[in-house]
Amino acid sequence: MAGADFIPLEPLELAGLRVGVADGLPLDRLDDTVAAAFTAALERIDAAGVRLSHEALPQLDAMLAVNAKGGIVPTEACGVLRDWLGRRAADIDPNVRVRVERGCAVTPADYEDMLRQRSALVRDMDGRLTGLDILVMPTTAIVAPTIAEVADSGVFARRNAAVLRNTSIINFFDLCAISLPLAAAMPVGLMLVARNGHDHRLLRIAAAMTRLLGG
């Protein structure tokens, strides 16, 4: 997709890599299965000789402040689907429709302000990560719920937010990431995160991590 020449993928040596654990929001309210699998993975990574550190990321609080204005994605979704909302609102899944309608309430001034602030935060986060090879965090805060568990719209909203939260961080800051499977009672993912454009190096680290974690 990037038009780059093919380069064979060789796993990187893990010993000595600078691996940051993203503290704060990415680790908030993990369910027991995810927390146990993530802790076990960190222990194995630490034992592999990496330079493991816990990283505070104030940019995440700034991201929440930006999204509190309504969010960029819902606002843009409203722009695309506004005509459908007027003609065929009943045909849109109600859980999706409520998010699109929330975007319709965002003013043009707030939308422009969100874009401006996001651009500044993307640059700030890129600079913050220059001293690390990767960040690690759980891919999702909870294991996937069953359809029956999210039949209630209020429960759906909370579970959906928990599932989307960490991956949305990557999208907001224009980072690149990969999710590796972890052994657990239910499927759990370990997300490795790198700076924008560092995809090939990230894949080489992921290949080594896969060997280490037995995925």
N, C-alpha and C. Protein backbone atom coordinates (compact mmCIF):
# COMPACT_ATOMS: atom_id res chain seq x y z
N MET A 1 0.82 -1.21 0.00
CA MET A 1 0.00 0.00 0.00
C MET A 1 0.85 1.26 0.00
N ALA A 2 2.01 1.19 0.67
CA ALA A 2 2.88 2.36 0.75
C ALA A 2 3.79 2.48 -0.47
N GLY A 3 3.78 1.47 -1.33
CA GLY A 3 4.65 1.51 -2.50
C GLY A 3 6.10 1.22 -2.20
N ALA A 4 6.38 0.67 -1.02
CA ALA A 4 7.76 0.37 -0.65
C ALA A 4 8.19 -0.98 -1.21
N ASP A 5 9.48 -1.11 -1.44
CA ASP A 5 10.02 -2.38 -1.92
C ASP A 5 9.92 -3.43 -0.83
N PHE A 6 9.76 -4.70 -1.24
CA PHE A 6 9.67 -5.80 -0.29
C PHE A 6 11.02 -5.99 0.42
N ILE A 7 10.97 -6.13 1.73
CA ILE A 7 12.15 -6.42 2.54
C ILE A 7 11.82 -7.63 3.40
N PRO A 8 12.61 -8.70 3.33
CA PRO A 8 12.32 -9.88 4.14
C PRO A 8 12.23 -9.52 5.62
N LEU A 9 11.31 -10.17 6.31
CA LEU A 9 11.05 -9.86 7.71
C LEU A 9 11.92 -10.74 8.60
N GLU A 10 12.88 -10.13 9.27
CA GLU A 10 13.76 -10.85 10.19
C GLU A 10 13.48 -10.37 11.61
N PRO A 11 13.18 -11.29 12.54
CA PRO A 11 12.93 -10.87 13.92
C PRO A 11 14.10 -10.10 14.51
N LEU A 12 13.81 -9.04 15.25
CA LEU A 12 14.85 -8.27 15.93
C LEU A 12 15.24 -8.95 17.25
N GLU A 13 16.46 -8.71 17.68
CA GLU A 13 16.88 -9.16 19.00
C GLU A 13 16.15 -8.33 20.06
N LEU A 14 15.48 -9.00 20.99
CA LEU A 14 14.70 -8.27 21.99
C LEU A 14 15.57 -7.65 23.07
N ALA A 15 16.64 -8.31 23.45
CA ALA A 15 17.48 -7.80 24.53
C ALA A 15 17.98 -6.40 24.20
N GLY A 16 17.76 -5.49 25.12
CA GLY A 16 18.21 -4.11 24.94
C GLY A 16 17.18 -3.18 24.33
N LEU A 17 16.09 -3.72 23.78
CA LEU A 17 15.06 -2.84 23.23
C LEU A 17 14.40 -2.03 24.34
N ARG A 18 14.00 -0.82 24.00
CA ARG A 18 13.35 0.08 24.95
C ARG A 18 11.84 -0.09 24.82
N VAL A 19 11.24 -0.76 25.79
CA VAL A 19 9.82 -1.10 25.75
C VAL A 19 9.11 -0.36 26.88
N GLY A 20 8.16 0.49 26.51
CA GLY A 20 7.43 1.26 27.49
C GLY A 20 6.04 0.69 27.73
N VAL A 21 5.66 0.57 28.99
CA VAL A 21 4.30 0.19 29.36
C VAL A 21 3.49 1.47 29.47
N ALA A 22 2.46 1.57 28.67
CA ALA A 22 1.64 2.79 28.66
C ALA A 22 0.74 2.81 29.89
N ASP A 23 1.12 3.60 30.88
CA ASP A 23 0.35 3.69 32.12
C ASP A 23 -0.88 4.57 31.92
N GLY A 24 -1.75 4.55 32.94
CA GLY A 24 -2.92 5.42 32.91
C GLY A 24 -4.08 4.81 32.14
N LEU A 25 -4.64 5.57 31.23
CA LEU A 25 -5.86 5.18 30.51
C LEU A 25 -5.80 3.78 29.90
N PRO A 26 -4.72 3.36 29.21
CA PRO A 26 -4.72 2.03 28.58
C PRO A 26 -4.85 0.87 29.56
N LEU A 27 -4.54 1.11 30.84
CA LEU A 27 -4.60 0.05 31.85
C LEU A 27 -5.79 0.23 32.81
N ASP A 28 -6.64 1.18 32.53
CA ASP A 28 -7.75 1.48 33.41
C ASP A 28 -8.86 0.44 33.26
N ARG A 29 -9.36 -0.05 34.37
CA ARG A 29 -10.52 -0.95 34.42
C ARG A 29 -10.38 -2.17 33.50
N LEU A 30 -9.24 -2.85 33.57
CA LEU A 30 -9.08 -4.10 32.84
C LEU A 30 -9.88 -5.19 33.54
N ASP A 31 -10.49 -6.08 32.77
CA ASP A 31 -11.15 -7.19 33.44
C ASP A 31 -10.09 -8.19 33.91
N ASP A 32 -10.50 -9.13 34.74
CA ASP A 32 -9.54 -10.02 35.39
C ASP A 32 -8.75 -10.84 34.37
N THR A 33 -9.40 -11.31 33.32
CA THR A 33 -8.73 -12.14 32.32
C THR A 33 -7.65 -11.35 31.58
N VAL A 34 -8.00 -10.14 31.17
CA VAL A 34 -7.04 -9.30 30.45
C VAL A 34 -5.89 -8.91 31.36
N ALA A 35 -6.20 -8.50 32.60
CA ALA A 35 -5.15 -8.07 33.53
C ALA A 35 -4.15 -9.19 33.80
N ALA A 36 -4.65 -10.41 34.01
CA ALA A 36 -3.77 -11.53 34.31
C ALA A 36 -2.89 -11.87 33.12
N ALA A 37 -3.47 -11.90 31.92
CA ALA A 37 -2.70 -12.24 30.71
C ALA A 37 -1.66 -11.16 30.41
N PHE A 38 -2.02 -9.89 30.61
CA PHE A 38 -1.09 -8.80 30.34
C PHE A 38 0.07 -8.83 31.33
N THR A 39 -0.21 -9.05 32.60
CA THR A 39 0.84 -9.13 33.61
C THR A 39 1.80 -10.27 33.32
N ALA A 40 1.26 -11.42 32.94
CA ALA A 40 2.12 -12.57 32.61
C ALA A 40 2.99 -12.27 31.41
N ALA A 41 2.44 -11.58 30.41
CA ALA A 41 3.23 -11.24 29.22
C ALA A 41 4.35 -10.28 29.58
N LEU A 42 4.07 -9.29 30.43
CA LEU A 42 5.11 -8.34 30.84
C LEU A 42 6.25 -9.05 31.58
N GLU A 43 5.92 -10.03 32.38
CA GLU A 43 6.96 -10.77 33.10
C GLU A 43 7.89 -11.50 32.13
N ARG A 44 7.32 -12.09 31.09
CA ARG A 44 8.14 -12.80 30.11
C ARG A 44 8.96 -11.83 29.27
N ILE A 45 8.37 -10.68 28.95
CA ILE A 45 9.10 -9.67 28.18
C ILE A 45 10.26 -9.12 29.00
N ASP A 46 10.01 -8.85 30.28
CA ASP A 46 11.05 -8.33 31.16
C ASP A 46 12.20 -9.33 31.28
N ALA A 47 11.87 -10.60 31.35
CA ALA A 47 12.89 -11.64 31.49
C ALA A 47 13.73 -11.81 30.22
N ALA A 48 13.25 -11.26 29.10
CA ALA A 48 13.98 -11.38 27.83
C ALA A 48 15.09 -10.35 27.70
N GLY A 49 15.26 -9.50 28.71
CA GLY A 49 16.37 -8.55 28.69
C GLY A 49 16.07 -7.22 28.06
N VAL A 50 14.79 -6.90 27.85
CA VAL A 50 14.45 -5.59 27.32
C VAL A 50 14.61 -4.54 28.41
N ARG A 51 14.66 -3.29 28.02
CA ARG A 51 14.71 -2.18 28.98
C ARG A 51 13.28 -1.71 29.19
N LEU A 52 12.61 -2.36 30.15
CA LEU A 52 11.19 -2.12 30.39
C LEU A 52 11.01 -0.91 31.31
N SER A 53 10.10 -0.03 30.94
CA SER A 53 9.82 1.16 31.75
C SER A 53 8.33 1.46 31.72
N HIS A 54 7.85 2.08 32.79
CA HIS A 54 6.45 2.51 32.84
C HIS A 54 6.41 3.99 32.43
N GLU A 55 5.53 4.29 31.47
CA GLU A 55 5.52 5.61 30.86
C GLU A 55 4.20 6.34 31.11
N ALA A 56 4.29 7.50 31.73
CA ALA A 56 3.13 8.39 31.85
C ALA A 56 2.98 9.17 30.55
N LEU A 57 1.77 9.24 30.04
CA LEU A 57 1.51 9.90 28.76
C LEU A 57 0.42 10.95 28.94
N PRO A 58 0.78 12.17 29.32
CA PRO A 58 -0.23 13.21 29.51
C PRO A 58 -1.00 13.54 28.24
N GLN A 59 -0.46 13.16 27.09
CA GLN A 59 -1.17 13.39 25.83
C GLN A 59 -2.52 12.66 25.80
N LEU A 60 -2.64 11.58 26.58
CA LEU A 60 -3.90 10.84 26.59
C LEU A 60 -5.01 11.64 27.27
N ASP A 61 -4.67 12.36 28.33
CA ASP A 61 -5.66 13.23 28.97
C ASP A 61 -6.08 14.35 28.02
N ALA A 62 -5.12 14.86 27.26
CA ALA A 62 -5.45 15.90 26.27
C ALA A 62 -6.36 15.36 25.19
N MET A 63 -6.14 14.09 24.78
CA MET A 63 -7.02 13.46 23.79
C MET A 63 -8.45 13.38 24.31
N LEU A 64 -8.61 13.00 25.57
CA LEU A 64 -9.96 12.91 26.15
C LEU A 64 -10.64 14.27 26.15
N ALA A 65 -9.87 15.32 26.41
CA ALA A 65 -10.44 16.67 26.42
C ALA A 65 -10.91 17.07 25.02
N VAL A 66 -10.15 16.68 24.00
CA VAL A 66 -10.56 16.96 22.62
C VAL A 66 -11.84 16.20 22.29
N ASN A 67 -11.87 14.91 22.61
CA ASN A 67 -13.04 14.09 22.27
C ASN A 67 -14.28 14.48 23.06
N ALA A 68 -14.08 15.17 24.20
CA ALA A 68 -15.24 15.60 24.99
C ALA A 68 -16.09 16.61 24.24
N LYS A 69 -15.55 17.21 23.20
CA LYS A 69 -16.31 18.16 22.40
C LYS A 69 -17.24 17.47 21.40
N GLY A 70 -17.22 16.15 21.37
CA GLY A 70 -18.11 15.40 20.48
C GLY A 70 -17.40 14.37 19.64
N GLY A 71 -16.12 14.53 19.46
CA GLY A 71 -15.34 13.54 18.71
C GLY A 71 -15.31 13.83 17.23
N ILE A 72 -14.17 13.56 16.62
CA ILE A 72 -13.98 13.81 15.19
C ILE A 72 -14.74 12.80 14.36
N VAL A 73 -14.67 11.52 14.73
CA VAL A 73 -15.31 10.47 13.93
C VAL A 73 -16.82 10.64 13.88
N PRO A 74 -17.53 10.81 15.01
CA PRO A 74 -18.98 11.02 14.91
C PRO A 74 -19.35 12.25 14.08
N THR A 75 -18.55 13.31 14.19
CA THR A 75 -18.84 14.53 13.43
C THR A 75 -18.72 14.27 11.94
N GLU A 76 -17.68 13.57 11.54
CA GLU A 76 -17.51 13.28 10.11
C GLU A 76 -18.53 12.26 9.63
N ALA A 77 -18.91 11.31 10.50
CA ALA A 77 -19.95 10.35 10.13
C ALA A 77 -21.27 11.06 9.87
N CYS A 78 -21.58 12.07 10.68
CA CYS A 78 -22.80 12.84 10.44
C CYS A 78 -22.76 13.52 9.08
N GLY A 79 -21.59 14.07 8.73
CA GLY A 79 -21.48 14.73 7.44
C GLY A 79 -21.75 13.79 6.28
N VAL A 80 -21.34 12.53 6.42
CA VAL A 80 -21.54 11.55 5.36
C VAL A 80 -22.97 11.01 5.36
N LEU A 81 -23.54 10.81 6.57
CA LEU A 81 -24.81 10.09 6.69
C LEU A 81 -26.00 10.99 7.00
N ARG A 82 -25.81 12.30 6.97
CA ARG A 82 -26.90 13.21 7.34
C ARG A 82 -28.15 12.96 6.51
N ASP A 83 -28.00 12.75 5.22
CA ASP A 83 -29.16 12.52 4.35
C ASP A 83 -29.88 11.23 4.75
N TRP A 84 -29.11 10.18 5.05
CA TRP A 84 -29.72 8.93 5.50
C TRP A 84 -30.47 9.11 6.81
N LEU A 85 -29.92 9.88 7.70
CA LEU A 85 -30.59 10.11 8.97
C LEU A 85 -31.96 10.76 8.75
N GLY A 86 -32.04 11.63 7.75
CA GLY A 86 -33.31 12.29 7.46
C GLY A 86 -34.31 11.38 6.80
N ARG A 87 -33.81 10.44 5.95
CA ARG A 87 -34.73 9.62 5.16
C ARG A 87 -34.95 8.22 5.72
N ARG A 88 -33.88 7.63 6.32
CA ARG A 88 -33.96 6.21 6.68
C ARG A 88 -33.33 5.94 8.05
N ALA A 89 -33.62 6.80 8.99
CA ALA A 89 -33.02 6.66 10.32
C ALA A 89 -33.36 5.31 10.95
N ALA A 90 -34.57 4.82 10.69
CA ALA A 90 -35.00 3.56 11.30
C ALA A 90 -34.22 2.36 10.77
N ASP A 91 -33.57 2.52 9.62
CA ASP A 91 -32.80 1.41 9.04
C ASP A 91 -31.37 1.34 9.58
N ILE A 92 -30.97 2.32 10.35
CA ILE A 92 -29.62 2.35 10.92
C ILE A 92 -29.65 1.71 12.30
N ASP A 93 -28.71 0.84 12.57
CA ASP A 93 -28.63 0.22 13.90
C ASP A 93 -28.69 1.31 14.96
N PRO A 94 -29.58 1.18 15.95
CA PRO A 94 -29.74 2.26 16.93
C PRO A 94 -28.47 2.56 17.72
N ASN A 95 -27.63 1.55 17.95
CA ASN A 95 -26.38 1.80 18.66
C ASN A 95 -25.41 2.63 17.83
N VAL A 96 -25.49 2.49 16.52
CA VAL A 96 -24.67 3.30 15.62
C VAL A 96 -25.30 4.68 15.45
N ARG A 97 -26.62 4.69 15.30
CA ARG A 97 -27.32 5.95 15.03
C ARG A 97 -27.10 6.97 16.13
N VAL A 98 -27.11 6.54 17.39
CA VAL A 98 -26.95 7.50 18.49
C VAL A 98 -25.58 8.16 18.45
N ARG A 99 -24.57 7.44 17.99
CA ARG A 99 -23.23 8.03 17.90
C ARG A 99 -23.16 9.03 16.74
N VAL A 100 -23.81 8.71 15.62
CA VAL A 100 -23.82 9.62 14.48
C VAL A 100 -24.59 10.89 14.83
N GLU A 101 -25.72 10.71 15.50
CA GLU A 101 -26.53 11.86 15.89
C GLU A 101 -25.77 12.77 16.86
N ARG A 102 -24.95 12.17 17.72
CA ARG A 102 -24.13 12.99 18.61
C ARG A 102 -23.18 13.87 17.81
N GLY A 103 -22.65 13.34 16.71
CA GLY A 103 -21.77 14.12 15.85
C GLY A 103 -22.48 15.27 15.17
N CYS A 104 -23.77 15.12 14.92
CA CYS A 104 -24.53 16.19 14.27
C CYS A 104 -24.69 17.41 15.18
N ALA A 105 -24.49 17.22 16.47
CA ALA A 105 -24.63 18.33 17.41
C ALA A 105 -23.36 19.15 17.54
N VAL A 106 -22.27 18.70 16.92
CA VAL A 106 -21.00 19.41 17.00
C VAL A 106 -21.01 20.61 16.05
N THR A 107 -20.60 21.75 16.53
CA THR A 107 -20.58 22.94 15.69
C THR A 107 -19.35 22.92 14.76
N PRO A 108 -19.42 23.61 13.62
CA PRO A 108 -18.25 23.69 12.74
C PRO A 108 -17.02 24.24 13.45
N ALA A 109 -17.23 25.20 14.34
CA ALA A 109 -16.10 25.79 15.07
C ALA A 109 -15.44 24.76 15.97
N ASP A 110 -16.24 23.94 16.66
CA ASP A 110 -15.68 22.91 17.53
C ASP A 110 -14.98 21.83 16.71
N TYR A 111 -15.54 21.50 15.57
CA TYR A 111 -14.90 20.50 14.69
C TYR A 111 -13.52 20.99 14.25
N GLU A 112 -13.44 22.21 13.80
CA GLU A 112 -12.15 22.77 13.37
C GLU A 112 -11.17 22.82 14.54
N ASP A 113 -11.68 23.13 15.72
CA ASP A 113 -10.82 23.19 16.90
C ASP A 113 -10.30 21.80 17.26
N MET A 114 -11.15 20.80 17.14
CA MET A 114 -10.71 19.42 17.41
C MET A 114 -9.61 19.00 16.44
N LEU A 115 -9.77 19.31 15.17
CA LEU A 115 -8.76 18.96 14.17
C LEU A 115 -7.43 19.65 14.47
N ARG A 116 -7.51 20.92 14.83
CA ARG A 116 -6.29 21.67 15.12
C ARG A 116 -5.58 21.11 16.34
N GLN A 117 -6.33 20.83 17.39
CA GLN A 117 -5.72 20.29 18.60
C GLN A 117 -5.16 18.89 18.37
N ARG A 118 -5.88 18.09 17.60
CA ARG A 118 -5.39 16.74 17.31
C ARG A 118 -4.06 16.79 16.56
N SER A 119 -3.94 17.66 15.58
CA SER A 119 -2.69 17.77 14.82
C SER A 119 -1.52 18.10 15.74
N ALA A 120 -1.75 19.01 16.68
CA ALA A 120 -0.68 19.37 17.63
C ALA A 120 -0.34 18.19 18.54
N LEU A 121 -1.34 17.43 18.96
CA LEU A 121 -1.10 16.29 19.84
C LEU A 121 -0.40 15.15 19.11
N VAL A 122 -0.70 14.98 17.84
CA VAL A 122 0.00 13.96 17.04
C VAL A 122 1.50 14.25 17.03
N ARG A 123 1.86 15.50 16.79
CA ARG A 123 3.27 15.88 16.79
C ARG A 123 3.89 15.70 18.18
N ASP A 124 3.13 16.07 19.20
CA ASP A 124 3.63 15.96 20.56
C ASP A 124 3.87 14.51 20.96
N MET A 125 2.93 13.62 20.61
CA MET A 125 3.09 12.21 20.93
C MET A 125 4.26 11.60 20.17
N ASP A 126 4.44 11.99 18.91
CA ASP A 126 5.57 11.47 18.15
C ASP A 126 6.88 11.82 18.83
N GLY A 127 6.98 13.05 19.30
CA GLY A 127 8.19 13.44 20.02
C GLY A 127 8.35 12.70 21.33
N ARG A 128 7.23 12.44 22.00
CA ARG A 128 7.28 11.74 23.29
C ARG A 128 7.81 10.31 23.13
N LEU A 129 7.55 9.69 22.00
CA LEU A 129 7.91 8.28 21.80
C LEU A 129 9.29 8.09 21.18
N THR A 130 10.02 9.16 20.92
CA THR A 130 11.31 9.01 20.26
C THR A 130 12.32 8.22 21.08
N GLY A 131 12.16 8.19 22.41
CA GLY A 131 13.11 7.46 23.24
C GLY A 131 12.76 6.00 23.45
N LEU A 132 11.71 5.51 22.78
CA LEU A 132 11.25 4.14 22.95
C LEU A 132 11.23 3.41 21.60
N ASP A 133 11.45 2.10 21.65
CA ASP A 133 11.26 1.30 20.44
C ASP A 133 9.79 0.97 20.24
N ILE A 134 9.11 0.60 21.32
CA ILE A 134 7.67 0.34 21.26
C ILE A 134 7.02 0.67 22.59
N LEU A 135 5.72 0.89 22.54
CA LEU A 135 4.86 0.86 23.71
C LEU A 135 4.12 -0.47 23.73
N VAL A 136 3.74 -0.93 24.91
CA VAL A 136 2.89 -2.11 25.00
C VAL A 136 1.68 -1.77 25.85
N MET A 137 0.54 -2.36 25.49
CA MET A 137 -0.70 -2.19 26.23
C MET A 137 -1.64 -3.33 25.83
N PRO A 138 -2.66 -3.60 26.64
CA PRO A 138 -3.67 -4.57 26.19
C PRO A 138 -4.39 -4.03 24.95
N THR A 139 -4.72 -4.92 24.02
CA THR A 139 -5.45 -4.47 22.83
C THR A 139 -6.83 -3.97 23.21
N THR A 140 -7.51 -4.68 24.08
CA THR A 140 -8.80 -4.24 24.61
C THR A 140 -8.79 -4.39 26.12
N ALA A 141 -9.62 -3.62 26.79
CA ALA A 141 -9.66 -3.65 28.25
C ALA A 141 -10.43 -4.85 28.78
N ILE A 142 -11.29 -5.44 27.94
CA ILE A 142 -12.12 -6.56 28.36
C ILE A 142 -12.11 -7.61 27.26
N VAL A 143 -12.47 -8.84 27.61
CA VAL A 143 -12.65 -9.86 26.57
C VAL A 143 -13.95 -9.56 25.84
N ALA A 144 -14.09 -10.10 24.65
CA ALA A 144 -15.27 -9.81 23.84
C ALA A 144 -16.55 -10.27 24.53
N PRO A 145 -17.53 -9.40 24.66
CA PRO A 145 -18.80 -9.81 25.27
C PRO A 145 -19.64 -10.62 24.30
N THR A 146 -20.55 -11.40 24.83
CA THR A 146 -21.49 -12.12 23.98
C THR A 146 -22.58 -11.16 23.50
N ILE A 147 -23.29 -11.55 22.47
CA ILE A 147 -24.39 -10.72 21.96
C ILE A 147 -25.45 -10.52 23.04
N ALA A 148 -25.71 -11.60 23.80
CA ALA A 148 -26.72 -11.49 24.86
C ALA A 148 -26.31 -10.48 25.93
N GLU A 149 -25.02 -10.40 26.20
CA GLU A 149 -24.53 -9.49 27.24
C GLU A 149 -24.70 -8.02 26.86
N VAL A 150 -24.80 -7.72 25.58
CA VAL A 150 -24.91 -6.33 25.16
C VAL A 150 -26.26 -6.02 24.53
N ALA A 151 -27.26 -6.83 24.88
CA ALA A 151 -28.60 -6.58 24.34
C ALA A 151 -29.16 -5.26 24.84
N ASP A 152 -28.85 -4.89 26.07
CA ASP A 152 -29.28 -3.60 26.61
C ASP A 152 -28.40 -2.49 26.05
N SER A 153 -29.01 -1.40 25.61
CA SER A 153 -28.25 -0.34 24.95
C SER A 153 -27.24 0.32 25.89
N GLY A 154 -27.59 0.46 27.15
CA GLY A 154 -26.66 1.06 28.10
C GLY A 154 -25.44 0.19 28.33
N VAL A 155 -25.68 -1.13 28.45
CA VAL A 155 -24.56 -2.06 28.61
C VAL A 155 -23.71 -2.07 27.34
N PHE A 156 -24.38 -2.04 26.19
CA PHE A 156 -23.63 -2.01 24.92
C PHE A 156 -22.69 -0.82 24.87
N ALA A 157 -23.17 0.33 25.24
CA ALA A 157 -22.34 1.55 25.16
C ALA A 157 -21.09 1.42 26.02
N ARG A 158 -21.25 0.88 27.22
CA ARG A 158 -20.09 0.74 28.12
C ARG A 158 -19.11 -0.32 27.60
N ARG A 159 -19.64 -1.46 27.17
CA ARG A 159 -18.75 -2.52 26.67
C ARG A 159 -18.08 -2.11 25.36
N ASN A 160 -18.83 -1.44 24.51
CA ASN A 160 -18.26 -1.00 23.23
C ASN A 160 -17.14 0.00 23.46
N ALA A 161 -17.33 0.91 24.42
CA ALA A 161 -16.28 1.88 24.74
C ALA A 161 -15.03 1.17 25.26
N ALA A 162 -15.23 0.13 26.08
CA ALA A 162 -14.08 -0.60 26.63
C ALA A 162 -13.32 -1.35 25.54
N VAL A 163 -14.05 -1.87 24.56
CA VAL A 163 -13.41 -2.61 23.47
C VAL A 163 -12.66 -1.67 22.53
N LEU A 164 -13.21 -0.50 22.28
CA LEU A 164 -12.62 0.44 21.31
C LEU A 164 -11.53 1.33 21.88
N ARG A 165 -11.48 1.48 23.21
CA ARG A 165 -10.68 2.53 23.83
C ARG A 165 -9.21 2.52 23.41
N ASN A 166 -8.52 1.41 23.60
CA ASN A 166 -7.07 1.41 23.37
C ASN A 166 -6.72 1.50 21.89
N THR A 167 -7.48 0.83 21.04
CA THR A 167 -7.19 0.94 19.61
C THR A 167 -7.50 2.34 19.08
N SER A 168 -8.49 3.01 19.69
CA SER A 168 -8.82 4.38 19.28
C SER A 168 -7.68 5.34 19.60
N ILE A 169 -6.92 5.05 20.65
CA ILE A 169 -5.76 5.87 20.97
C ILE A 169 -4.78 5.86 19.81
N ILE A 170 -4.54 4.69 19.25
CA ILE A 170 -3.60 4.55 18.14
C ILE A 170 -4.07 5.35 16.95
N ASN A 171 -5.35 5.27 16.64
CA ASN A 171 -5.89 6.01 15.50
C ASN A 171 -5.79 7.52 15.71
N PHE A 172 -6.11 7.96 16.91
CA PHE A 172 -6.11 9.40 17.19
C PHE A 172 -4.73 9.99 16.98
N PHE A 173 -3.68 9.27 17.42
CA PHE A 173 -2.33 9.81 17.36
C PHE A 173 -1.55 9.38 16.11
N ASP A 174 -2.23 8.78 15.13
CA ASP A 174 -1.58 8.38 13.88
C ASP A 174 -0.37 7.47 14.12
N LEU A 175 -0.49 6.56 15.05
CA LEU A 175 0.58 5.62 15.33
C LEU A 175 0.35 4.35 14.53
N CYS A 176 1.29 3.40 14.61
CA CYS A 176 1.06 2.09 14.01
C CYS A 176 1.12 1.05 15.10
N ALA A 177 0.37 -0.03 14.96
CA ALA A 177 0.29 -1.03 16.02
C ALA A 177 -0.05 -2.39 15.44
N ILE A 178 0.25 -3.41 16.23
CA ILE A 178 -0.10 -4.78 15.88
C ILE A 178 -0.55 -5.47 17.16
N SER A 179 -1.51 -6.38 17.04
CA SER A 179 -2.01 -7.12 18.19
C SER A 179 -1.55 -8.57 18.10
N LEU A 180 -0.94 -9.06 19.20
CA LEU A 180 -0.48 -10.44 19.27
C LEU A 180 -1.37 -11.21 20.24
N PRO A 181 -1.71 -12.46 19.92
CA PRO A 181 -2.57 -13.24 20.82
C PRO A 181 -1.81 -13.70 22.06
N LEU A 182 -2.50 -13.67 23.20
CA LEU A 182 -1.95 -14.16 24.46
C LEU A 182 -2.78 -15.35 24.92
N ALA A 183 -2.12 -16.32 25.52
CA ALA A 183 -2.82 -17.47 26.05
C ALA A 183 -3.66 -17.04 27.25
N ALA A 184 -4.96 -17.33 27.21
CA ALA A 184 -5.86 -16.98 28.30
C ALA A 184 -7.13 -17.80 28.15
N ALA A 185 -7.98 -17.74 29.17
CA ALA A 185 -9.24 -18.47 29.12
C ALA A 185 -10.10 -17.98 27.96
N MET A 186 -10.06 -16.70 27.69
CA MET A 186 -10.73 -16.08 26.55
C MET A 186 -9.68 -15.33 25.74
N PRO A 187 -9.94 -15.08 24.44
CA PRO A 187 -8.94 -14.38 23.63
C PRO A 187 -8.56 -13.02 24.20
N VAL A 188 -7.25 -12.81 24.35
CA VAL A 188 -6.70 -11.54 24.85
C VAL A 188 -5.58 -11.13 23.90
N GLY A 189 -5.48 -9.84 23.62
CA GLY A 189 -4.44 -9.36 22.73
C GLY A 189 -3.44 -8.47 23.43
N LEU A 190 -2.18 -8.59 23.03
CA LEU A 190 -1.12 -7.67 23.47
C LEU A 190 -0.82 -6.75 22.30
N MET A 191 -1.00 -5.45 22.49
CA MET A 191 -0.78 -4.50 21.41
C MET A 191 0.62 -3.88 21.53
N LEU A 192 1.38 -3.99 20.45
CA LEU A 192 2.68 -3.34 20.33
C LEU A 192 2.49 -2.09 19.49
N VAL A 193 3.00 -0.96 19.96
CA VAL A 193 2.74 0.33 19.34
C VAL A 193 4.06 1.02 18.98
N ALA A 194 4.12 1.56 17.78
CA ALA A 194 5.32 2.29 17.34
C ALA A 194 4.91 3.61 16.70
N ARG A 195 5.90 4.44 16.44
CA ARG A 195 5.65 5.74 15.83
C ARG A 195 5.18 5.58 14.38
N ASN A 196 4.53 6.60 13.90
CA ASN A 196 4.06 6.61 12.52
C ASN A 196 5.21 6.34 11.55
N GLY A 197 4.99 5.42 10.62
CA GLY A 197 5.98 5.11 9.60
C GLY A 197 6.99 4.05 9.99
N HIS A 198 6.93 3.56 11.22
CA HIS A 198 7.89 2.56 11.69
C HIS A 198 7.31 1.15 11.59
N ASP A 199 6.47 0.94 10.61
CA ASP A 199 5.74 -0.32 10.48
C ASP A 199 6.67 -1.53 10.35
N HIS A 200 7.68 -1.43 9.49
CA HIS A 200 8.52 -2.61 9.24
C HIS A 200 9.30 -2.99 10.49
N ARG A 201 9.84 -2.00 11.18
CA ARG A 201 10.56 -2.30 12.42
C ARG A 201 9.60 -2.89 13.46
N LEU A 202 8.39 -2.37 13.52
CA LEU A 202 7.40 -2.91 14.44
C LEU A 202 7.12 -4.38 14.13
N LEU A 203 6.99 -4.72 12.86
CA LEU A 203 6.73 -6.11 12.48
C LEU A 203 7.89 -7.02 12.86
N ARG A 204 9.11 -6.51 12.76
CA ARG A 204 10.27 -7.31 13.16
C ARG A 204 10.27 -7.55 14.67
N ILE A 205 9.89 -6.54 15.43
CA ILE A 205 9.77 -6.71 16.88
C ILE A 205 8.64 -7.68 17.19
N ALA A 206 7.53 -7.55 16.48
CA ALA A 206 6.39 -8.44 16.71
C ALA A 206 6.74 -9.90 16.42
N ALA A 207 7.55 -10.12 15.38
CA ALA A 207 7.97 -11.48 15.07
C ALA A 207 8.78 -12.08 16.22
N ALA A 208 9.65 -11.27 16.81
CA ALA A 208 10.43 -11.75 17.96
C ALA A 208 9.54 -11.96 19.18
N MET A 209 8.58 -11.05 19.40
CA MET A 209 7.67 -11.20 20.52
C MET A 209 6.80 -12.45 20.38
N THR A 210 6.41 -12.76 19.16
CA THR A 210 5.59 -13.94 18.92
C THR A 210 6.35 -15.20 19.31
N ARG A 211 7.63 -15.25 18.94
CA ARG A 211 8.46 -16.38 19.37
C ARG A 211 8.55 -16.46 20.88
N LEU A 212 8.74 -15.32 21.53
CA LEU A 212 8.90 -15.28 22.97
C LEU A 212 7.64 -15.74 23.70
N LEU A 213 6.51 -15.25 23.22
CA LEU A 213 5.24 -15.48 23.93
C LEU A 213 4.54 -16.75 23.48
N GLY A 214 5.09 -17.39 22.45
CA GLY A 214 4.53 -18.66 22.01
C GLY A 214 3.25 -18.55 21.22
N GLY A 215 3.05 -17.40 20.53
CA GLY A 215 1.82 -17.22 19.75
C GLY A 215 1.86 -17.94 18.43
